[in-house]
Structures are given as C-alpha cells and as structure tokens.
Amino acid sequence: MKELSDCTVLVVDDTEDNVDILVDALGELSDVSVAMDGRVAVETVADEAPDLILLDIMMPEMDGYEVCETLKADERYAKIPIIFLTALTEIENKTRGFQMGAVDYITKPFEITEVQARVKTHLSLVLASRELEMQNEILEIKVAERTKELAVTQDITIHSLASLAETRDNETGGHILRTQRYVQVLAQKLADHPKHGEALDKKTVDLLYKSAPLHDIGKVGVPDAILHKPGKLTDEEFATMKSHCELGYQALLKAEELFELDVRPSFLTHAKDIARTHQEKWDGSGYPQGLKGEKIPLSGRIMAVADVYDALICKRVYKPPFPHEKAVAIISEGSGSHFDPDIVEAFLQIEETIKEIAAELADSD
C-alpha cells in the first residue's frame, strides 16, 4: 500500500512567498511540486496527476475556480482532491469552492501546523479510498470468478443429467447438442417477431439454451425394452413412453422445491416447461396434457420443432434418417396442426442455419 511519503502534492500559487512556506511545511510529509499560475497547473496535472492539489483562488488570467472547473470536468482528474487557499477576506467565496468540488480550504496567512494537519488528513483519505477501491475490485473479480465457476458447474450438471438420459436411448448420439443449438437459433429468430420479442429477451434465450438439454430427462424412467423396441409400440407401451414428459417435469419440480429457489424465472422453470410440454401439439392432439395453441408454453413449442426435426434427420431403431429437405417439408406441413405457425415460419427462414448445425454436430456413425 502506498505511504504518505510516496504521495505527491501540487501547490498552485502565484506568490513566491506563499509557495516557499507551503513547500517548507510539506516537504518532509510528501513529494511537493509547484505551479505559479493556473494554466501551468493544468499542464502539470496532465503530465503527472498529483494525489492532492493546494489551489490559490486569486490568480491572474486563470483563477483557481477556472482551474478547479477544468480539472473536475475531466474524468481522469475529477477525483483529485482540491484544497483552496484563500485570504481571510475571501472566506465568503468558500461556499462556491465547495460547490465546485473542493474538499477543504486553508486561510492565509498560513498556520503551518494547520496546513500539515489538513494535508495529512486528506492524503490519508485518498490512500484509504484507493485501498477500498482496490479491495472492491479484488472482490468483484472473485465474485465474477465464483459466478463463472457456478455457471460452469451448472452447465456440467445439466449435460451430465441429459447424457444420462441419452445413454438409455443410445441411437440419438448428438441429439442433445443439436437440439440445444436449434432451440437457441430459433429463439433468437423469434425474438425479431413483434409478437414474441418481449418474451424472448437475451436472458430468456440464454435460459432456454441452458434448459433444452433436459427435455428428455424423464426417459430415465422408461424401460429399455420400450425405448429400444424396433417395432411399433403397443398402446400400453406407448402410454409408458409418453410418461417420460411427466416424469421429467416431476423430477425437475422436486429439485426446484428442494432448494426453494427465490429467483424466477430460473433455468429450471423453463426446463420444467420444456420437459413437460415438448410433445404437445398446436391443435391439442399432443400429450401429456392435450394443451392447445398458446396454452402450450413458448419454450415447449420451440422445443417441439427442434426435437421433431432432429428425430426426422436421424436414424432410429424404427426408421432410417430422412434428408434435410424432407424433414423441412414435414415440419412445414405440420404448421398449424403439430406446430406453432410462427415457429415454423422462423424455422423456414433459418433452415440453412439449422442444416449447418445438423452437419456440424452430426453423429459419427
């Protein structure tokens, strides 16, 4: 930490006797520099900013008020404390000095011990303020590092849980990563839509991106015999398969309730909606609740398009992969029945981006 003896004080006065007195009084306390007029004072500060300025008010050409005003207007020097030097007959002007940003005043003729005490006090305040600023900066850095660490830990946890579900359905490969990216670009495109822009601010888009990998977390509760069955599922088996939406929602709901989260909407809020409603259909024929239209959360409607597109272009035990063009045609045909028309429109507008994501994150096989 900087010591008082390391501090610099600029004395600005056009009277040589006054300068000599102040330099003698402060020489042992700190490093003292001198300016004999206002313009030189401003130039001196610009060359090397001092820690404290003792500034005479009555000077020719550029008086102390002008010097103070010039320095306070420059953010580089605005925080330098200024003590005005004033004659007893000028005391009525000290209010103006305080209004301009001065921290104190010293009257002429000078009392040496008073000068030393006031300068020492204000230099100590400067050092304390800088120490506090430094500690705040260190704290902000540590908070930022900790926040980043928690965010990374959260992301790792999300992907670990999602990957756990994916291992139950091992033919989906990079499904999690692809659908996450689809959701992100679809949400970003929809954010330009006047109807959805307010709901899809940057924070919400980020939360949707973070939440999307958990859409099939409920598959952990579906037996392997059903998940991996190559043929058509029986009605009973299909009912079990459909339960993954509610299973995922309930698991995330319990996690949210366990930790009594106060911040809404958290990524878990969106994750719950996505897990529960990504199999709902715009016309109400989906599951598990049979929701219709805008009663389906926007996050679930976006996930539905992303999920179906990826299922279409990927190989499954029950079907070969479809080419991008056929998948796009199926999504387009589902507008107004399976899918929200606004989301289909956004999908069609960015289908090349979707195709690029699918190619970039394609399964190795």
Protein backbone atom coordinates (compact mmCIF):
# COMPACT_ATOMS: atom_id res chain seq x y z
CA MET A 1 0.00 0.00 0.00
CA LYS A 2 1.21 3.50 -0.85
CA GLU A 3 2.56 5.54 2.08
CA LEU A 4 2.07 9.27 2.81
CA SER A 5 5.70 9.94 1.95
CA ASP A 6 5.07 8.48 -1.51
CA CYS A 7 2.19 10.86 -2.19
CA THR A 8 2.54 13.94 -4.39
CA VAL A 9 1.10 17.36 -3.61
CA LEU A 10 0.81 20.14 -6.21
CA VAL A 11 0.97 23.68 -4.80
CA VAL A 12 -0.57 26.28 -7.11
CA ASP A 13 0.01 29.92 -6.08
CA ASP A 14 1.33 32.97 -7.94
CA THR A 15 3.01 34.41 -4.83
CA GLU A 16 6.51 33.09 -4.33
CA ASP A 17 6.49 33.65 -0.55
CA ASN A 18 3.37 31.54 -0.18
CA VAL A 19 4.90 28.80 -2.29
CA ASP A 20 8.06 28.78 -0.18
CA ILE A 21 6.05 28.50 3.04
CA LEU A 22 3.98 25.58 1.74
CA VAL A 23 6.94 23.72 0.26
CA ASP A 24 8.82 24.03 3.58
CA ALA A 25 5.75 22.93 5.54
CA LEU A 26 5.03 19.89 3.39
CA GLY A 27 8.45 18.85 2.15
CA GLU A 28 9.02 16.25 4.86
CA LEU A 29 5.45 14.94 4.62
CA SER A 30 5.25 14.22 0.89
CA ASP A 31 6.69 14.97 -2.54
CA VAL A 32 5.79 18.58 -3.45
CA SER A 33 5.64 20.15 -6.93
CA VAL A 34 4.82 23.77 -7.78
CA ALA A 35 2.91 25.73 -10.42
CA MET A 36 2.93 29.53 -10.37
CA ASP A 37 -0.23 30.06 -12.45
CA GLY A 38 -3.42 28.27 -13.42
CA ARG A 39 -2.52 27.19 -16.94
CA VAL A 40 0.77 25.69 -15.82
CA ALA A 41 -1.15 23.90 -13.06
CA VAL A 42 -3.47 22.24 -15.59
CA GLU A 43 -0.50 21.24 -17.77
CA THR A 44 1.34 19.84 -14.74
CA VAL A 45 -1.65 17.72 -13.75
CA ALA A 46 -1.92 16.42 -17.32
CA ASP A 47 1.75 15.41 -17.27
CA GLU A 48 1.59 13.65 -13.93
CA ALA A 49 -1.54 13.73 -11.80
CA PRO A 50 -0.81 14.51 -8.12
CA ASP A 51 -2.57 12.94 -5.16
CA LEU A 52 -3.68 16.33 -3.77
CA ILE A 53 -3.80 19.94 -5.01
CA LEU A 54 -3.46 23.12 -2.92
CA LEU A 55 -5.01 25.77 -5.15
CA ASP A 56 -4.92 29.54 -4.73
CA ILE A 57 -8.14 31.26 -5.76
CA MET A 58 -6.90 34.73 -6.74
CA MET A 59 -4.51 34.34 -9.69
CA PRO A 60 -4.20 36.33 -12.93
CA GLU A 61 -5.50 35.03 -16.29
CA MET A 62 -6.83 31.71 -14.99
CA ASP A 63 -8.00 31.82 -11.38
CA GLY A 64 -8.44 28.90 -9.00
CA TYR A 65 -12.12 28.46 -9.80
CA GLU A 66 -11.35 28.03 -13.51
CA VAL A 67 -8.58 25.56 -12.73
CA CYS A 68 -10.91 23.57 -10.48
CA GLU A 69 -13.70 23.60 -13.05
CA THR A 70 -11.30 22.45 -15.81
CA LEU A 71 -9.96 19.55 -13.74
CA LYS A 72 -13.34 18.41 -12.43
CA ALA A 73 -14.68 18.31 -16.00
CA ASP A 74 -12.05 15.75 -16.97
CA GLU A 75 -12.84 12.28 -15.62
CA ARG A 76 -9.11 11.49 -15.45
CA TYR A 77 -8.59 14.17 -12.81
CA ALA A 78 -12.05 14.67 -11.32
CA LYS A 79 -11.27 12.59 -8.23
CA ILE A 80 -8.12 14.52 -7.27
CA PRO A 81 -9.00 16.33 -4.01
CA ILE A 82 -8.54 20.11 -4.15
CA ILE A 83 -7.94 22.34 -1.12
CA PHE A 84 -8.49 26.02 -1.86
CA LEU A 85 -6.08 28.62 -0.49
CA THR A 86 -7.95 31.80 0.42
CA ALA A 87 -7.30 35.04 2.28
CA LEU A 88 -9.45 35.83 5.30
CA THR A 89 -11.25 38.49 3.25
CA GLU A 90 -12.29 35.87 0.73
CA ILE A 91 -13.97 33.45 3.14
CA GLU A 92 -17.39 34.28 1.68
CA ASN A 93 -16.20 32.55 -1.52
CA LYS A 94 -15.53 29.19 0.12
CA THR A 95 -19.13 28.03 -0.46
CA ARG A 96 -18.60 28.44 -4.19
CA GLY A 97 -15.43 26.37 -3.90
CA PHE A 98 -17.23 23.51 -2.14
CA GLN A 99 -19.97 23.61 -4.76
CA MET A 100 -17.33 23.20 -7.45
CA GLY A 101 -15.93 20.09 -5.78
CA ALA A 102 -13.25 21.31 -3.37
CA VAL A 103 -12.79 19.17 -0.27
CA ASP A 104 -11.42 21.85 2.09
CA TYR A 105 -9.89 25.32 2.34
CA ILE A 106 -6.93 26.83 4.14
CA THR A 107 -6.86 30.51 5.03
CA LYS A 108 -3.97 32.93 4.61
CA PRO A 109 -1.76 33.79 6.38
CA PHE A 110 -0.89 30.12 6.80
CA GLU A 111 -0.64 28.36 10.12
CA ILE A 112 1.98 25.69 9.44
CA THR A 113 0.60 23.06 11.79
CA GLU A 114 -2.88 23.55 10.32
CA VAL A 115 -1.57 23.13 6.78
CA GLN A 116 0.27 19.98 7.71
CA ALA A 117 -2.70 18.52 9.58
CA ARG A 118 -5.19 19.20 6.79
CA VAL A 119 -2.91 17.90 4.07
CA LYS A 120 -2.09 14.79 6.09
CA THR A 121 -5.80 14.16 6.73
CA HIS A 122 -6.78 14.43 3.07
CA LEU A 123 -3.86 12.35 1.84
CA SER A 124 -4.84 9.68 4.36
CA LEU A 125 -8.38 9.78 2.99
CA VAL A 126 -7.05 9.44 -0.55
CA LEU A 127 -5.00 6.39 0.40
CA ALA A 128 -7.89 4.83 2.30
CA SER A 129 -10.24 5.41 -0.64
CA ARG A 130 -7.81 3.81 -3.06
CA GLU A 131 -7.32 0.85 -0.77
CA LEU A 132 -11.09 0.42 -0.59
CA GLU A 133 -11.39 0.65 -4.38
CA MET A 134 -8.67 -1.94 -4.77
CA GLN A 135 -10.38 -4.27 -2.30
CA ASN A 136 -13.69 -3.79 -4.14
CA GLU A 137 -12.02 -4.62 -7.44
CA ILE A 138 -10.50 -7.75 -5.93
CA LEU A 139 -13.90 -8.69 -4.52
CA GLU A 140 -15.60 -8.10 -7.88
CA ILE A 141 -13.01 -10.29 -9.60
CA LYS A 142 -13.53 -13.05 -7.02
CA VAL A 143 -17.32 -12.78 -7.35
CA ALA A 144 -17.04 -12.93 -11.15
CA GLU A 145 -14.76 -15.96 -10.92
CA ARG A 146 -17.10 -17.68 -8.48
CA THR A 147 -20.13 -16.85 -10.62
CA LYS A 148 -18.40 -18.27 -13.68
CA GLU A 149 -17.41 -21.37 -11.72
CA LEU A 150 -21.00 -21.90 -10.57
CA ALA A 151 -22.31 -21.38 -14.11
CA VAL A 152 -19.84 -23.92 -15.49
CA THR A 153 -20.73 -26.35 -12.71
CA GLN A 154 -24.40 -25.86 -13.50
CA ASP A 155 -23.82 -26.49 -17.21
CA ILE A 156 -21.81 -29.62 -16.46
CA THR A 157 -24.57 -30.90 -14.18
CA ILE A 158 -27.22 -30.23 -16.81
CA HIS A 159 -25.31 -32.02 -19.54
CA SER A 160 -24.44 -34.88 -17.22
CA LEU A 161 -28.11 -35.42 -16.41
CA ALA A 162 -29.08 -35.08 -20.06
CA SER A 163 -26.35 -37.51 -21.11
CA LEU A 164 -27.58 -39.96 -18.50
CA ALA A 165 -30.98 -39.93 -20.18
CA GLU A 166 -29.35 -40.19 -23.60
CA THR A 167 -27.49 -43.37 -22.62
CA ARG A 168 -30.87 -45.03 -22.22
CA ASP A 169 -31.59 -44.24 -25.87
CA ASN A 170 -28.14 -44.70 -27.36
CA GLU A 171 -29.08 -44.21 -31.02
CA THR A 172 -29.68 -40.48 -30.57
CA GLY A 173 -25.97 -39.57 -30.45
CA GLY A 174 -25.55 -35.79 -30.51
CA HIS A 175 -29.29 -35.18 -30.21
CA ILE A 176 -28.84 -33.12 -27.04
CA LEU A 177 -26.25 -30.76 -28.50
CA ARG A 178 -28.08 -30.36 -31.81
CA THR A 179 -31.48 -29.64 -30.32
CA GLN A 180 -29.92 -27.21 -27.87
CA ARG A 181 -28.46 -25.23 -30.77
CA TYR A 182 -31.70 -25.44 -32.77
CA VAL A 183 -33.59 -24.01 -29.81
CA GLN A 184 -31.07 -21.20 -29.49
CA VAL A 185 -31.21 -20.06 -33.11
CA LEU A 186 -34.99 -20.47 -33.31
CA ALA A 187 -35.46 -18.37 -30.17
CA GLN A 188 -33.08 -15.72 -31.49
CA LYS A 189 -35.01 -15.56 -34.76
CA LEU A 190 -38.37 -15.39 -32.97
CA ALA A 191 -37.02 -12.53 -30.85
CA ASP A 192 -37.28 -10.38 -34.00
CA HIS A 193 -41.01 -11.15 -34.23
CA PRO A 194 -43.17 -8.33 -32.79
CA LYS A 195 -45.37 -10.88 -31.06
CA HIS A 196 -42.54 -12.71 -29.29
CA GLY A 197 -39.75 -10.15 -28.95
CA GLU A 198 -40.68 -9.07 -25.42
CA ALA A 199 -40.83 -12.65 -24.14
CA LEU A 200 -37.54 -13.62 -25.77
CA ASP A 201 -35.01 -11.15 -24.43
CA LYS A 202 -31.35 -12.21 -24.34
CA LYS A 203 -31.58 -13.54 -20.80
CA THR A 204 -34.56 -15.73 -21.64
CA VAL A 205 -32.91 -17.04 -24.81
CA ASP A 206 -29.86 -17.96 -22.73
CA LEU A 207 -32.07 -19.75 -20.21
CA LEU A 208 -33.83 -21.69 -22.98
CA TYR A 209 -30.45 -22.71 -24.39
CA LYS A 210 -29.34 -23.84 -20.95
CA SER A 211 -32.61 -25.73 -20.28
CA ALA A 212 -33.08 -27.50 -23.61
CA PRO A 213 -30.79 -30.49 -22.86
CA LEU A 214 -33.15 -31.62 -20.10
CA HIS A 215 -36.16 -32.10 -22.38
CA ASP A 216 -35.90 -35.92 -22.35
CA ILE A 217 -34.61 -36.35 -18.78
CA GLY A 218 -37.77 -38.33 -17.99
CA LYS A 219 -36.65 -41.16 -20.28
CA VAL A 220 -34.57 -42.40 -17.37
CA GLY A 221 -37.85 -43.79 -16.05
CA VAL A 222 -38.83 -45.63 -19.25
CA PRO A 223 -37.83 -49.31 -19.51
CA ASP A 224 -35.15 -50.27 -22.07
CA ALA A 225 -37.47 -52.77 -23.73
CA ILE A 226 -39.74 -49.91 -24.76
CA LEU A 227 -37.04 -47.36 -25.58
CA HIS A 228 -35.18 -49.81 -27.84
CA LYS A 229 -38.13 -51.66 -29.36
CA PRO A 230 -37.65 -51.72 -33.15
CA GLY A 231 -41.30 -52.29 -33.99
CA LYS A 232 -44.49 -50.41 -33.27
CA LEU A 233 -45.31 -49.91 -29.61
CA THR A 234 -48.48 -51.34 -28.16
CA ASP A 235 -50.98 -48.91 -26.66
CA GLU A 236 -49.75 -49.84 -23.18
CA GLU A 237 -46.11 -49.41 -24.20
CA PHE A 238 -46.83 -46.08 -25.85
CA ALA A 239 -48.58 -44.89 -22.69
CA THR A 240 -45.42 -45.77 -20.76
CA MET A 241 -43.28 -43.97 -23.33
CA LYS A 242 -45.46 -40.86 -23.06
CA SER A 243 -44.94 -40.82 -19.30
CA HIS A 244 -41.37 -39.50 -19.81
CA CYS A 245 -42.75 -35.97 -20.14
CA GLU A 246 -44.43 -36.01 -16.75
CA LEU A 247 -41.56 -37.94 -15.16
CA GLY A 248 -39.08 -35.29 -16.29
CA TYR A 249 -41.32 -32.46 -15.12
CA GLN A 250 -41.84 -34.01 -11.68
CA ALA A 251 -38.11 -34.65 -11.20
CA LEU A 252 -37.26 -31.04 -12.00
CA LEU A 253 -40.15 -29.75 -9.90
CA LYS A 254 -38.89 -31.67 -6.88
CA ALA A 255 -35.38 -30.30 -7.41
CA GLU A 256 -36.75 -26.76 -7.56
CA GLU A 257 -38.88 -27.22 -4.44
CA LEU A 258 -36.00 -28.86 -2.55
CA PHE A 259 -33.78 -25.80 -2.89
CA GLU A 260 -36.62 -23.25 -2.51
CA LEU A 261 -35.36 -21.07 -5.35
CA ASP A 262 -36.39 -17.43 -4.96
CA VAL A 263 -35.26 -16.21 -8.37
CA ARG A 264 -37.86 -16.55 -11.14
CA PRO A 265 -37.65 -17.49 -13.89
CA SER A 266 -34.69 -19.76 -13.27
CA PHE A 267 -33.48 -22.18 -15.91
CA LEU A 268 -35.40 -24.89 -14.01
CA THR A 269 -38.66 -23.08 -14.71
CA HIS A 270 -38.03 -23.32 -18.44
CA ALA A 271 -36.61 -26.83 -18.11
CA LYS A 272 -39.83 -27.98 -16.42
CA ASP A 273 -41.97 -26.49 -19.18
CA ILE A 274 -39.79 -27.98 -21.91
CA ALA A 275 -39.70 -31.44 -20.31
CA ARG A 276 -43.46 -31.49 -19.81
CA THR A 277 -44.77 -29.85 -22.98
CA HIS A 278 -42.36 -30.59 -25.85
CA GLN A 279 -44.71 -33.36 -27.04
CA GLU A 280 -47.80 -31.15 -27.01
CA LYS A 281 -49.27 -30.17 -30.39
CA TRP A 282 -50.66 -26.85 -31.58
CA ASP A 283 -54.08 -28.42 -32.35
CA GLY A 284 -54.36 -30.02 -28.90
CA SER A 285 -53.75 -33.62 -30.01
CA GLY A 286 -50.42 -33.98 -28.20
CA TYR A 287 -49.53 -35.23 -24.75
CA PRO A 288 -49.39 -35.40 -21.73
CA GLN A 289 -51.98 -32.67 -21.09
CA GLY A 290 -53.52 -32.12 -24.50
CA LEU A 291 -52.75 -28.41 -24.38
CA LYS A 292 -53.72 -26.34 -27.41
CA GLY A 293 -52.26 -23.26 -29.09
CA GLU A 294 -50.70 -20.63 -26.90
CA LYS A 295 -51.67 -22.55 -23.77
CA ILE A 296 -48.54 -24.54 -24.55
CA PRO A 297 -45.57 -22.63 -23.10
CA LEU A 298 -43.49 -20.93 -25.79
CA SER A 299 -40.42 -22.90 -24.68
CA GLY A 300 -42.28 -26.19 -25.26
CA ARG A 301 -43.47 -25.05 -28.70
CA ILE A 302 -39.92 -24.16 -29.74
CA MET A 303 -38.56 -27.44 -28.39
CA ALA A 304 -41.22 -29.39 -30.30
CA VAL A 305 -39.95 -28.14 -33.66
CA ALA A 306 -36.31 -28.69 -32.71
CA ASP A 307 -36.98 -32.19 -31.36
CA VAL A 308 -39.05 -33.41 -34.29
CA TYR A 309 -36.65 -32.05 -36.89
CA ASP A 310 -33.72 -33.84 -35.27
CA ALA A 311 -35.70 -37.07 -34.90
CA LEU A 312 -36.52 -36.92 -38.62
CA ILE A 313 -32.94 -36.47 -39.84
CA CYS A 314 -31.52 -39.14 -37.51
CA LYS A 315 -31.55 -42.92 -37.74
CA ARG A 316 -33.81 -44.62 -35.25
CA VAL A 317 -34.48 -48.28 -34.48
CA TYR A 318 -37.85 -47.82 -36.17
CA LYS A 319 -36.81 -45.68 -39.19
CA PRO A 320 -33.94 -44.60 -41.45
CA PRO A 321 -32.72 -40.98 -41.44
CA PHE A 322 -34.61 -38.52 -43.64
CA PRO A 323 -32.77 -35.94 -45.75
CA HIS A 324 -32.92 -32.34 -44.60
CA GLU A 325 -35.30 -31.34 -47.39
CA LYS A 326 -37.87 -33.99 -46.47
CA ALA A 327 -37.62 -33.09 -42.78
CA VAL A 328 -38.20 -29.42 -43.63
CA ALA A 329 -41.23 -30.37 -45.73
CA ILE A 330 -42.71 -32.39 -42.84
CA ILE A 331 -42.16 -29.51 -40.41
CA SER A 332 -43.78 -27.12 -42.89
CA GLU A 333 -46.79 -29.43 -43.35
CA GLY A 334 -47.22 -29.55 -39.57
CA SER A 335 -47.69 -25.78 -39.29
CA GLY A 336 -50.99 -25.03 -37.56
CA SER A 337 -51.58 -28.65 -36.58
CA HIS A 338 -48.50 -30.06 -34.89
CA PHE A 339 -46.51 -26.82 -34.61
CA ASP A 340 -46.96 -23.14 -33.82
CA PRO A 341 -47.12 -21.39 -37.25
CA ASP A 342 -44.87 -18.54 -36.04
CA ILE A 343 -42.16 -21.00 -35.05
CA VAL A 344 -42.44 -22.89 -38.32
CA GLU A 345 -42.09 -19.60 -40.19
CA ALA A 346 -38.96 -18.78 -38.19
CA PHE A 347 -37.65 -22.30 -38.82
CA LEU A 348 -38.10 -21.96 -42.58
CA GLN A 349 -36.33 -18.60 -42.56
CA ILE A 350 -33.24 -20.11 -40.93
CA GLU A 351 -33.38 -23.63 -42.35
CA GLU A 352 -29.87 -23.29 -43.82
CA THR A 353 -28.53 -22.44 -40.35
CA ILE A 354 -30.39 -25.44 -38.94
CA LYS A 355 -28.87 -27.63 -41.67
CA GLU A 356 -25.37 -26.35 -40.88
CA ILE A 357 -25.82 -27.14 -37.17
CA ALA A 358 -27.02 -30.64 -38.02
CA ALA A 359 -23.96 -31.21 -40.22
CA GLU A 360 -21.54 -29.73 -37.69
CA LEU A 361 -22.84 -31.93 -34.85
CA ALA A 362 -23.73 -34.99 -36.90
CA ASP A 363 -23.39 -38.41 -35.26
CA SER A 364 -20.06 -40.07 -36.04
CA ASP A 365 -21.77 -43.13 -37.47
